[in-house]
Amino acid sequence: MKNFKNILVIAEDIGLNQTVLHKALRLAQSAKATLTIIANKQDIEIEQHLELIYQQKAANLTTLNGLKPTKLEIDINIKYCVAPFSHKDILAEITNNTYDLLIKDIHAAHFRWGLSWSDNHYLLREGNTNILLVGETQWPDRGNILAALETEESTEKHQKLNQFMIDESQYLAKLLNSDVHLINCYQEQPSISLAERLPVEGVEEPLQQHWRHIQDSASRYAVEQDHIHVESGLPEFVIPHEAKKYNADIVALGAGEHHGLINRLKGHSSEYVVDGLSCDALILKANMCNIP
């Protein structure tokens, strides 16, 4: 897509996490996008929160530009609804309207019958809109975005999927003045043999194969070599660990309707990775890149 023109923000309990609004306003300003905010009908202070953030950002821009008055050019539309907003409510909103991105609290959960399974998990599996799940830590200038690629194969389909992931990650990085890192994790095939496995001439080791595949995906992009990473292990453990190691502010993950793209053959889906992250997550829907 590489173009945010209409962004939807879920602000169910903005008193607990105003950073959702801060980040939404920053993205909307950079992308020159329209911002639609779904707010709790009981939260009569939502406009005050917005006004304070708006004034602060305008003041920061004015300071950066010297004495020249600077204005934030953001078209904001607020829709008031009765909380809690379930994933069904959100899916209905993104189905009935055209949004390029959904921004939501990464920790939000909807409770029913004393049990909770985060609405975020449903949203990762359903709908066509890309999702940005955000926490309370502000994005720094010159931050890092870690994009998780699929390198199990080097088919045309995988190349297109990886191109989609890198394109979207670089677009977001441009908006936030950030750097992009690429990562793949793979699993070594287990062996019951106690004998040391000897290399076979002409046959690539798994690490070599995945390095070749990720290099093929990165070859058309200006990605520095020290920003390309391949690690052995399960995605839900490796990716959160590497995100901390490389100070990632956002991890970009692929998700289809029912499966993640990170390690589809082994049954891992993106919600398990998201659960382990201590940073934000950009969930890119596979069906948005028009790959059969």
C-alpha atoms as a PDB file:
ATOM      1  CA  MET A   1       0.000   0.000   0.000  1.00  0.00           C
ATOM      2  CA  LYS A   2       2.725   2.455   1.078  1.00  0.00           C
ATOM      3  CA  ASN A   3       0.219   5.242   1.597  1.00  0.00           C
ATOM      4  CA  PHE A   4      -1.651   6.171   4.777  1.00  0.00           C
ATOM      5  CA  LYS A   5      -4.488   8.534   3.880  1.00  0.00           C
ATOM      6  CA  ASN A   6      -7.208   7.447   6.278  1.00  0.00           C
ATOM      7  CA  ILE A   7      -6.168   6.244   9.753  1.00  0.00           C
ATOM      8  CA  LEU A   8      -8.534   4.802  12.366  1.00  0.00           C
ATOM      9  CA  VAL A   9      -7.646   5.103  16.066  1.00  0.00           C
ATOM     10  CA  ILE A  10      -9.326   3.172  18.868  1.00  0.00           C
ATOM     11  CA  ALA A  11      -9.300   5.312  22.031  1.00  0.00           C
ATOM     12  CA  GLU A  12     -11.354   3.234  24.442  1.00  0.00           C
ATOM     13  CA  ASP A  13      -9.655   4.372  27.651  1.00  0.00           C
ATOM     14  CA  ILE A  14      -7.395   7.225  26.632  1.00  0.00           C
ATOM     15  CA  GLY A  15      -6.783   8.223  30.245  1.00  0.00           C
ATOM     16  CA  LEU A  16      -4.623   5.107  30.659  1.00  0.00           C
ATOM     17  CA  ASN A  17      -2.638   5.482  27.446  1.00  0.00           C
ATOM     18  CA  GLN A  18      -2.531   8.920  25.839  1.00  0.00           C
ATOM     19  CA  THR A  19       0.484   7.740  23.824  1.00  0.00           C
ATOM     20  CA  VAL A  20      -1.977   6.182  21.357  1.00  0.00           C
ATOM     21  CA  LEU A  21      -3.115   9.704  20.437  1.00  0.00           C
ATOM     22  CA  HIS A  22       0.442  11.079  20.398  1.00  0.00           C
ATOM     23  CA  LYS A  23       1.570   8.425  17.939  1.00  0.00           C
ATOM     24  CA  ALA A  24      -1.565   8.685  15.804  1.00  0.00           C
ATOM     25  CA  LEU A  25      -1.152  12.459  15.467  1.00  0.00           C
ATOM     26  CA  ARG A  26       2.532  12.093  14.597  1.00  0.00           C
ATOM     27  CA  LEU A  27       1.781   9.554  11.858  1.00  0.00           C
ATOM     28  CA  ALA A  28      -1.162  11.537  10.496  1.00  0.00           C
ATOM     29  CA  GLN A  29       0.963  14.691  10.346  1.00  0.00           C
ATOM     30  CA  SER A  30       3.826  12.927   8.546  1.00  0.00           C
ATOM     31  CA  ALA A  31       1.543  11.087   6.106  1.00  0.00           C
ATOM     32  CA  LYS A  32      -0.873  14.010   5.643  1.00  0.00           C
ATOM     33  CA  ALA A  33      -3.645  11.592   6.537  1.00  0.00           C
ATOM     34  CA  THR A  34      -7.170  12.019   7.853  1.00  0.00           C
ATOM     35  CA  LEU A  35      -7.596  10.755  11.425  1.00  0.00           C
ATOM     36  CA  THR A  36     -10.786   9.094  12.627  1.00  0.00           C
ATOM     37  CA  ILE A  37     -10.950   8.443  16.378  1.00  0.00           C
ATOM     38  CA  ILE A  38     -13.441   6.097  18.024  1.00  0.00           C
ATOM     39  CA  ALA A  39     -13.763   7.333  21.613  1.00  0.00           C
ATOM     40  CA  ASN A  40     -15.662   6.207  24.669  1.00  0.00           C
ATOM     41  CA  LYS A  41     -18.976   8.061  24.875  1.00  0.00           C
ATOM     42  CA  GLN A  42     -18.280   8.608  28.581  1.00  0.00           C
ATOM     43  CA  ASP A  43     -14.858  10.164  27.910  1.00  0.00           C
ATOM     44  CA  ILE A  44     -15.881  13.802  27.622  1.00  0.00           C
ATOM     45  CA  GLU A  45     -12.214  14.824  27.982  1.00  0.00           C
ATOM     46  CA  ILE A  46     -11.063  13.263  24.690  1.00  0.00           C
ATOM     47  CA  GLU A  47     -11.130  16.623  22.894  1.00  0.00           C
ATOM     48  CA  GLN A  48      -9.169  18.236  25.720  1.00  0.00           C
ATOM     49  CA  HIS A  49      -6.527  15.496  25.452  1.00  0.00           C
ATOM     50  CA  LEU A  50      -6.331  16.067  21.709  1.00  0.00           C
ATOM     51  CA  GLU A  51      -6.110  19.843  22.061  1.00  0.00           C
ATOM     52  CA  LEU A  52      -3.234  19.632  24.566  1.00  0.00           C
ATOM     53  CA  ILE A  53      -1.290  17.182  22.407  1.00  0.00           C
ATOM     54  CA  TYR A  54      -2.058  19.255  19.321  1.00  0.00           C
ATOM     55  CA  GLN A  55      -0.770  22.445  20.963  1.00  0.00           C
ATOM     56  CA  GLN A  56       2.367  20.688  22.227  1.00  0.00           C
ATOM     57  CA  LYS A  57       3.200  19.322  18.782  1.00  0.00           C
ATOM     58  CA  ALA A  58       2.513  22.674  17.139  1.00  0.00           C
ATOM     59  CA  ALA A  59       4.810  24.367  19.678  1.00  0.00           C
ATOM     60  CA  ASN A  60       7.548  21.800  18.989  1.00  0.00           C
ATOM     61  CA  LEU A  61       7.264  22.444  15.250  1.00  0.00           C
ATOM     62  CA  THR A  62       7.407  26.184  15.807  1.00  0.00           C
ATOM     63  CA  THR A  63      10.545  25.772  17.942  1.00  0.00           C
ATOM     64  CA  LEU A  64      12.184  23.667  15.237  1.00  0.00           C
ATOM     65  CA  ASN A  65      11.324  26.222  12.561  1.00  0.00           C
ATOM     66  CA  GLY A  66      12.415  29.257  14.561  1.00  0.00           C
ATOM     67  CA  LEU A  67       9.942  32.086  15.050  1.00  0.00           C
ATOM     68  CA  LYS A  68       7.817  31.169  12.049  1.00  0.00           C
ATOM     69  CA  PRO A  69       4.337  30.124  13.263  1.00  0.00           C
ATOM     70  CA  THR A  70       3.633  26.491  12.437  1.00  0.00           C
ATOM     71  CA  LYS A  71       0.269  24.735  12.304  1.00  0.00           C
ATOM     72  CA  LEU A  72      -0.613  21.069  12.355  1.00  0.00           C
ATOM     73  CA  GLU A  73      -2.619  20.282   9.241  1.00  0.00           C
ATOM     74  CA  ILE A  74      -4.649  17.264  10.371  1.00  0.00           C
ATOM     75  CA  ASP A  75      -8.281  16.527   9.558  1.00  0.00           C
ATOM     76  CA  ILE A  76      -9.716  14.859  12.684  1.00  0.00           C
ATOM     77  CA  ASN A  77     -13.102  13.172  12.991  1.00  0.00           C
ATOM     78  CA  ILE A  78     -14.285  11.810  16.380  1.00  0.00           C
ATOM     79  CA  LYS A  79     -16.936   9.093  16.629  1.00  0.00           C
ATOM     80  CA  TYR A  80     -18.391   8.525  20.102  1.00  0.00           C
ATOM     81  CA  CYS A  81     -19.509   5.000  20.990  1.00  0.00           C
ATOM     82  CA  VAL A  82     -20.428   3.088  24.120  1.00  0.00           C
ATOM     83  CA  ALA A  83     -17.455   1.156  25.505  1.00  0.00           C
ATOM     84  CA  PRO A  84     -16.235  -1.556  25.553  1.00  0.00           C
ATOM     85  CA  PHE A  85     -15.489  -1.817  21.845  1.00  0.00           C
ATOM     86  CA  SER A  86     -15.272  -5.478  20.858  1.00  0.00           C
ATOM     87  CA  HIS A  87     -13.353  -6.755  17.862  1.00  0.00           C
ATOM     88  CA  LYS A  88     -16.727  -7.164  16.104  1.00  0.00           C
ATOM     89  CA  ASP A  89     -17.444  -3.445  16.504  1.00  0.00           C
ATOM     90  CA  ILE A  90     -14.019  -2.560  15.128  1.00  0.00           C
ATOM     91  CA  LEU A  91     -14.286  -4.999  12.219  1.00  0.00           C
ATOM     92  CA  ALA A  92     -17.683  -3.535  11.327  1.00  0.00           C
ATOM     93  CA  GLU A  93     -16.163  -0.038  11.266  1.00  0.00           C
ATOM     94  CA  ILE A  94     -13.248  -1.016   9.012  1.00  0.00           C
ATOM     95  CA  THR A  95     -15.598  -3.024   6.780  1.00  0.00           C
ATOM     96  CA  ASN A  96     -18.002  -0.128   6.272  1.00  0.00           C
ATOM     97  CA  ASN A  97     -15.260   2.451   5.712  1.00  0.00           C
ATOM     98  CA  THR A  98     -11.944   2.557   3.894  1.00  0.00           C
ATOM     99  CA  TYR A  99      -9.013   2.749   6.299  1.00  0.00           C
ATOM    100  CA  ASP A 100      -5.348   2.285   5.451  1.00  0.00           C
ATOM    101  CA  LEU A 101      -4.284   1.672   9.037  1.00  0.00           C
ATOM    102  CA  LEU A 102      -5.835   0.800  12.389  1.00  0.00           C
ATOM    103  CA  ILE A 103      -4.019   2.066  15.506  1.00  0.00           C
ATOM    104  CA  LYS A 104      -4.844   0.412  18.806  1.00  0.00           C
ATOM    105  CA  ASP A 105      -3.421  -0.155  22.287  1.00  0.00           C
ATOM    106  CA  ILE A 106      -1.224  -3.264  22.205  1.00  0.00           C
ATOM    107  CA  HIS A 107      -2.358  -4.287  25.711  1.00  0.00           C
ATOM    108  CA  ALA A 108      -6.121  -3.813  25.281  1.00  0.00           C
ATOM    109  CA  ALA A 109      -8.342  -6.792  26.032  1.00  0.00           C
ATOM    110  CA  HIS A 110     -12.093  -7.367  26.026  1.00  0.00           C
ATOM    111  CA  PHE A 111     -13.555  -9.389  28.916  1.00  0.00           C
ATOM    112  CA  ARG A 112     -16.452 -11.797  28.634  1.00  0.00           C
ATOM    113  CA  TRP A 113     -17.760 -14.302  31.202  1.00  0.00           C
ATOM    114  CA  GLY A 114     -14.707 -13.776  33.390  1.00  0.00           C
ATOM    115  CA  LEU A 115     -12.336 -14.803  30.589  1.00  0.00           C
ATOM    116  CA  SER A 116     -10.191 -12.676  28.339  1.00  0.00           C
ATOM    117  CA  TRP A 117      -8.598 -13.256  24.964  1.00  0.00           C
ATOM    118  CA  SER A 118      -7.329 -10.003  23.549  1.00  0.00           C
ATOM    119  CA  ASP A 119      -9.443  -8.476  20.805  1.00  0.00           C
ATOM    120  CA  ASN A 120      -6.115  -7.726  19.165  1.00  0.00           C
ATOM    121  CA  HIS A 121      -5.735 -11.441  18.424  1.00  0.00           C
ATOM    122  CA  TYR A 122      -9.035 -11.514  16.553  1.00  0.00           C
ATOM    123  CA  LEU A 123      -8.067  -8.415  14.596  1.00  0.00           C
ATOM    124  CA  LEU A 124      -4.767 -10.003  13.543  1.00  0.00           C
ATOM    125  CA  ARG A 125      -6.661 -12.920  12.034  1.00  0.00           C
ATOM    126  CA  GLU A 126      -9.594 -11.087  10.492  1.00  0.00           C
ATOM    127  CA  GLY A 127     -10.096  -8.089   8.214  1.00  0.00           C
ATOM    128  CA  ASN A 128      -7.905  -6.569   5.523  1.00  0.00           C
ATOM    129  CA  THR A 129      -6.668  -3.435   7.278  1.00  0.00           C
ATOM    130  CA  ASN A 130      -3.061  -3.206   8.442  1.00  0.00           C
ATOM    131  CA  ILE A 131      -2.776  -2.756  12.212  1.00  0.00           C
ATOM    132  CA  LEU A 132      -0.355  -0.787  14.371  1.00  0.00           C
ATOM    133  CA  LEU A 133      -0.465  -1.952  17.990  1.00  0.00           C
ATOM    134  CA  VAL A 134       1.206   0.612  20.241  1.00  0.00           C
ATOM    135  CA  GLY A 135       2.382   0.772  23.835  1.00  0.00           C
ATOM    136  CA  GLU A 136       3.273   3.628  26.146  1.00  0.00           C
ATOM    137  CA  THR A 137       6.867   4.246  25.007  1.00  0.00           C
ATOM    138  CA  GLN A 138       7.246   7.231  22.678  1.00  0.00           C
ATOM    139  CA  TRP A 139       9.012   6.752  19.339  1.00  0.00           C
ATOM    140  CA  PRO A 140      12.453   8.374  19.268  1.00  0.00           C
ATOM    141  CA  ASP A 141      13.876  10.219  16.309  1.00  0.00           C
ATOM    142  CA  ARG A 142      16.208   7.915  14.326  1.00  0.00           C
ATOM    143  CA  GLY A 143      14.613   4.796  15.787  1.00  0.00           C
ATOM    144  CA  ASN A 144      14.550   1.256  14.385  1.00  0.00           C
ATOM    145  CA  ILE A 145      11.925  -0.892  12.676  1.00  0.00           C
ATOM    146  CA  LEU A 146      12.556  -4.648  12.564  1.00  0.00           C
ATOM    147  CA  ALA A 147      10.787  -6.411   9.666  1.00  0.00           C
ATOM    148  CA  ALA A 148      10.354 -10.189   9.975  1.00  0.00           C
ATOM    149  CA  LEU A 149      10.637 -11.925   6.599  1.00  0.00           C
ATOM    150  CA  GLU A 150       9.855 -15.447   5.369  1.00  0.00           C
ATOM    151  CA  THR A 151      12.874 -17.225   3.862  1.00  0.00           C
ATOM    152  CA  GLU A 152      11.807 -20.856   4.045  1.00  0.00           C
ATOM    153  CA  GLU A 153      11.694 -20.785   0.254  1.00  0.00           C
ATOM    154  CA  SER A 154      12.891 -18.441  -2.483  1.00  0.00           C
ATOM    155  CA  THR A 155       9.878 -18.757  -4.755  1.00  0.00           C
ATOM    156  CA  GLU A 156       8.275 -15.866  -6.613  1.00  0.00           C
ATOM    157  CA  LYS A 157       5.461 -15.842  -4.051  1.00  0.00           C
ATOM    158  CA  HIS A 158       7.877 -15.541  -1.150  1.00  0.00           C
ATOM    159  CA  GLN A 159       9.793 -12.800  -2.950  1.00  0.00           C
ATOM    160  CA  LYS A 160       6.577 -10.811  -3.438  1.00  0.00           C
ATOM    161  CA  LEU A 161       5.592 -11.289   0.193  1.00  0.00           C
ATOM    162  CA  ASN A 162       8.979 -10.084   1.361  1.00  0.00           C
ATOM    163  CA  GLN A 163       8.876  -7.159  -1.053  1.00  0.00           C
ATOM    164  CA  PHE A 164       5.499  -6.195   0.411  1.00  0.00           C
ATOM    165  CA  MET A 165       6.911  -6.420   3.953  1.00  0.00           C
ATOM    166  CA  ILE A 166       9.995  -4.342   3.149  1.00  0.00           C
ATOM    167  CA  ASP A 167       8.061  -1.728   1.134  1.00  0.00           C
ATOM    168  CA  GLU A 168       5.582  -1.138   3.956  1.00  0.00           C
ATOM    169  CA  SER A 169       8.297  -1.118   6.629  1.00  0.00           C
ATOM    170  CA  GLN A 170      10.395   1.395   4.702  1.00  0.00           C
ATOM    171  CA  TYR A 171       7.361   3.620   4.144  1.00  0.00           C
ATOM    172  CA  LEU A 172       6.659   3.696   7.884  1.00  0.00           C
ATOM    173  CA  ALA A 173      10.358   4.255   8.578  1.00  0.00           C
ATOM    174  CA  LYS A 174      10.334   7.245   6.237  1.00  0.00           C
ATOM    175  CA  LEU A 175       7.365   8.747   8.094  1.00  0.00           C
ATOM    176  CA  LEU A 176       9.096   8.272  11.454  1.00  0.00           C
ATOM    177  CA  ASN A 177      12.661   9.029  10.344  1.00  0.00           C
ATOM    178  CA  SER A 178      13.734   5.512  11.349  1.00  0.00           C
ATOM    179  CA  ASP A 179      16.045   2.773  10.076  1.00  0.00           C
ATOM    180  CA  VAL A 180      14.861  -0.641   8.846  1.00  0.00           C
ATOM    181  CA  HIS A 181      16.369  -3.946   9.945  1.00  0.00           C
ATOM    182  CA  LEU A 182      15.437  -7.273   8.352  1.00  0.00           C
ATOM    183  CA  ILE A 183      15.283 -10.546  10.260  1.00  0.00           C
ATOM    184  CA  ASN A 184      14.484 -14.166   9.603  1.00  0.00           C
ATOM    185  CA  CYS A 185      14.438 -17.030  12.057  1.00  0.00           C
ATOM    186  CA  TYR A 186      14.512 -20.673  11.090  1.00  0.00           C
ATOM    187  CA  GLN A 187      14.476 -24.026  12.818  1.00  0.00           C
ATOM    188  CA  GLU A 188      17.249 -26.578  12.527  1.00  0.00           C
ATOM    189  CA  GLN A 189      15.983 -30.021  11.557  1.00  0.00           C
ATOM    190  CA  PRO A 190      16.301 -32.310  14.597  1.00  0.00           C
ATOM    191  CA  SER A 191      18.429 -35.429  14.365  1.00  0.00           C
ATOM    192  CA  ILE A 192      18.448 -38.507  16.607  1.00  0.00           C
ATOM    193  CA  SER A 193      21.931 -39.444  15.492  1.00  0.00           C
ATOM    194  CA  LEU A 194      24.779 -38.982  17.983  1.00  0.00           C
ATOM    195  CA  ALA A 195      27.323 -38.794  15.201  1.00  0.00           C
ATOM    196  CA  GLU A 196      28.551 -35.411  14.100  1.00  0.00           C
ATOM    197  CA  ARG A 197      26.868 -34.427  10.851  1.00  0.00           C
ATOM    198  CA  LEU A 198      29.388 -33.925   8.082  1.00  0.00           C
ATOM    199  CA  PRO A 199      28.860 -31.266   5.410  1.00  0.00           C
ATOM    200  CA  VAL A 200      27.829 -32.620   2.024  1.00  0.00           C
ATOM    201  CA  GLU A 201      29.457 -31.076  -1.004  1.00  0.00           C
ATOM    202  CA  GLY A 202      27.028 -29.001  -3.037  1.00  0.00           C
ATOM    203  CA  VAL A 203      24.359 -29.006  -0.296  1.00  0.00           C
ATOM    204  CA  GLU A 204      23.722 -25.757   1.598  1.00  0.00           C
ATOM    205  CA  GLU A 205      23.505 -25.685   5.347  1.00  0.00           C
ATOM    206  CA  PRO A 206      20.219 -24.165   6.662  1.00  0.00           C
ATOM    207  CA  LEU A 207      21.970 -20.972   7.775  1.00  0.00           C
ATOM    208  CA  GLN A 208      23.570 -20.515   4.358  1.00  0.00           C
ATOM    209  CA  GLN A 209      20.262 -21.130   2.598  1.00  0.00           C
ATOM    210  CA  HIS A 210      18.345 -18.611   4.698  1.00  0.00           C
ATOM    211  CA  TRP A 211      21.120 -16.046   4.331  1.00  0.00           C
ATOM    212  CA  ARG A 212      20.951 -16.426   0.564  1.00  0.00           C
ATOM    213  CA  HIS A 213      17.174 -16.079   0.538  1.00  0.00           C
ATOM    214  CA  ILE A 214      17.097 -12.982   2.758  1.00  0.00           C
ATOM    215  CA  GLN A 215      19.902 -11.408   0.725  1.00  0.00           C
ATOM    216  CA  ASP A 216      17.857 -12.026  -2.439  1.00  0.00           C
ATOM    217  CA  SER A 217      14.903 -10.214  -0.863  1.00  0.00           C
ATOM    218  CA  ALA A 218      17.066  -7.294   0.302  1.00  0.00           C
ATOM    219  CA  SER A 219      19.070  -6.946  -2.918  1.00  0.00           C
ATOM    220  CA  ARG A 220      16.765  -4.344  -4.505  1.00  0.00           C
ATOM    221  CA  TYR A 221      16.678  -2.212  -1.369  1.00  0.00           C
ATOM    222  CA  ALA A 222      19.282   0.024   0.254  1.00  0.00           C
ATOM    223  CA  VAL A 223      19.548  -2.057   3.422  1.00  0.00           C
ATOM    224  CA  GLU A 224      22.920  -2.050   5.144  1.00  0.00           C
ATOM    225  CA  GLN A 225      24.500  -5.471   5.654  1.00  0.00           C
ATOM    226  CA  ASP A 226      24.683  -5.025   9.413  1.00  0.00           C
ATOM    227  CA  HIS A 227      20.913  -4.425   9.377  1.00  0.00           C
ATOM    228  CA  ILE A 228      20.215  -7.942   8.020  1.00  0.00           C
ATOM    229  CA  HIS A 229      19.899 -10.742  10.570  1.00  0.00           C
ATOM    230  CA  VAL A 230      19.283 -14.500  10.463  1.00  0.00           C
ATOM    231  CA  GLU A 231      18.810 -16.451  13.687  1.00  0.00           C
ATOM    232  CA  SER A 232      17.973 -20.045  14.542  1.00  0.00           C
ATOM    233  CA  GLY A 233      14.970 -20.687  16.779  1.00  0.00           C
ATOM    234  CA  LEU A 234      11.226 -20.253  17.152  1.00  0.00           C
ATOM    235  CA  PRO A 235       9.823 -16.852  16.057  1.00  0.00           C
ATOM    236  CA  GLU A 236       7.951 -16.198  19.310  1.00  0.00           C
ATOM    237  CA  PHE A 237      11.262 -16.374  21.211  1.00  0.00           C
ATOM    238  CA  VAL A 238      13.789 -15.132  18.661  1.00  0.00           C
ATOM    239  CA  ILE A 239      11.997 -12.039  17.350  1.00  0.00           C
ATOM    240  CA  PRO A 240      11.206 -10.423  20.747  1.00  0.00           C
ATOM    241  CA  HIS A 241      14.796 -11.130  21.831  1.00  0.00           C
ATOM    242  CA  GLU A 242      16.283  -9.616  18.665  1.00  0.00           C
ATOM    243  CA  ALA A 243      13.895  -6.649  18.891  1.00  0.00           C
ATOM    244  CA  LYS A 244      15.424  -5.799  22.278  1.00  0.00           C
ATOM    245  CA  LYS A 245      18.949  -6.466  21.012  1.00  0.00           C
ATOM    246  CA  TYR A 246      18.604  -4.014  18.129  1.00  0.00           C
ATOM    247  CA  ASN A 247      16.502  -1.469  20.064  1.00  0.00           C
ATOM    248  CA  ALA A 248      13.503  -1.871  17.770  1.00  0.00           C
ATOM    249  CA  ASP A 249      10.649   0.543  18.383  1.00  0.00           C
ATOM    250  CA  ILE A 250       8.346  -1.361  16.012  1.00  0.00           C
ATOM    251  CA  VAL A 251       8.394  -4.950  14.756  1.00  0.00           C
ATOM    252  CA  ALA A 252       6.686  -5.519  11.392  1.00  0.00           C
ATOM    253  CA  LEU A 253       5.006  -8.918  11.075  1.00  0.00           C
ATOM    254  CA  GLY A 254       3.020 -10.552   8.311  1.00  0.00           C
ATOM    255  CA  ALA A 255      -0.386 -12.054   9.034  1.00  0.00           C
ATOM    256  CA  GLY A 256      -2.919 -13.762   6.834  1.00  0.00           C
ATOM    257  CA  GLU A 257      -6.516 -14.579   7.623  1.00  0.00           C
ATOM    258  CA  HIS A 258      -5.622 -17.636   9.668  1.00  0.00           C
ATOM    259  CA  HIS A 259      -1.829 -17.975   9.682  1.00  0.00           C
ATOM    260  CA  GLY A 260       1.267 -15.898  10.160  1.00  0.00           C
ATOM    261  CA  LEU A 261       3.778 -15.536   7.370  1.00  0.00           C
ATOM    262  CA  ILE A 262       6.770 -15.818   9.664  1.00  0.00           C
ATOM    263  CA  ASN A 263       6.718 -19.582   9.917  1.00  0.00           C
ATOM    264  CA  ARG A 264       3.493 -20.796   8.367  1.00  0.00           C
ATOM    265  CA  LEU A 265       4.653 -24.368   7.782  1.00  0.00           C
ATOM    266  CA  LYS A 266       5.344 -24.877  11.468  1.00  0.00           C
ATOM    267  CA  GLY A 267       2.025 -23.458  12.648  1.00  0.00           C
ATOM    268  CA  HIS A 268       3.267 -20.294  14.338  1.00  0.00           C
ATOM    269  CA  SER A 269       1.097 -17.217  14.017  1.00  0.00           C
ATOM    270  CA  SER A 270       1.868 -13.582  14.632  1.00  0.00           C
ATOM    271  CA  GLU A 271      -0.133 -13.233  17.849  1.00  0.00           C
ATOM    272  CA  TYR A 272       2.397 -15.393  19.717  1.00  0.00           C
ATOM    273  CA  VAL A 273       5.190 -13.080  18.614  1.00  0.00           C
ATOM    274  CA  VAL A 274       3.185  -9.963  19.554  1.00  0.00           C
ATOM    275  CA  ASP A 275       2.591 -11.371  23.040  1.00  0.00           C
ATOM    276  CA  GLY A 276       6.350 -11.525  23.613  1.00  0.00           C
ATOM    277  CA  LEU A 277       7.188  -8.033  22.381  1.00  0.00           C
ATOM    278  CA  SER A 278       8.111  -5.124  24.635  1.00  0.00           C
ATOM    279  CA  CYS A 279       7.765  -2.677  21.721  1.00  0.00           C
ATOM    280  CA  ASP A 280       5.072  -1.790  19.166  1.00  0.00           C
ATOM    281  CA  ALA A 281       3.936  -4.111  16.374  1.00  0.00           C
ATOM    282  CA  LEU A 282       2.944  -3.353  12.774  1.00  0.00           C
ATOM    283  CA  ILE A 283       0.760  -6.175  11.463  1.00  0.00           C
ATOM    284  CA  LEU A 284       0.715  -6.316   7.664  1.00  0.00           C
ATOM    285  CA  LYS A 285      -2.093  -8.331   6.111  1.00  0.00           C
ATOM    286  CA  ALA A 286      -0.922 -10.751   3.415  1.00  0.00           C
ATOM    287  CA  ASN A 287      -4.110 -10.311   1.401  1.00  0.00           C
ATOM    288  CA  MET A 288      -3.232  -6.617   0.910  1.00  0.00           C
ATOM    289  CA  CYS A 289      -0.361  -7.479  -1.441  1.00  0.00           C
ATOM    290  CA  ASN A 290      -2.603  -9.305  -3.985  1.00  0.00           C
ATOM    291  CA  ILE A 291      -0.641 -12.557  -3.972  1.00  0.00           C
ATOM    292  CA  PRO A 292      -2.634 -15.693  -4.840  1.00  0.00           C
END
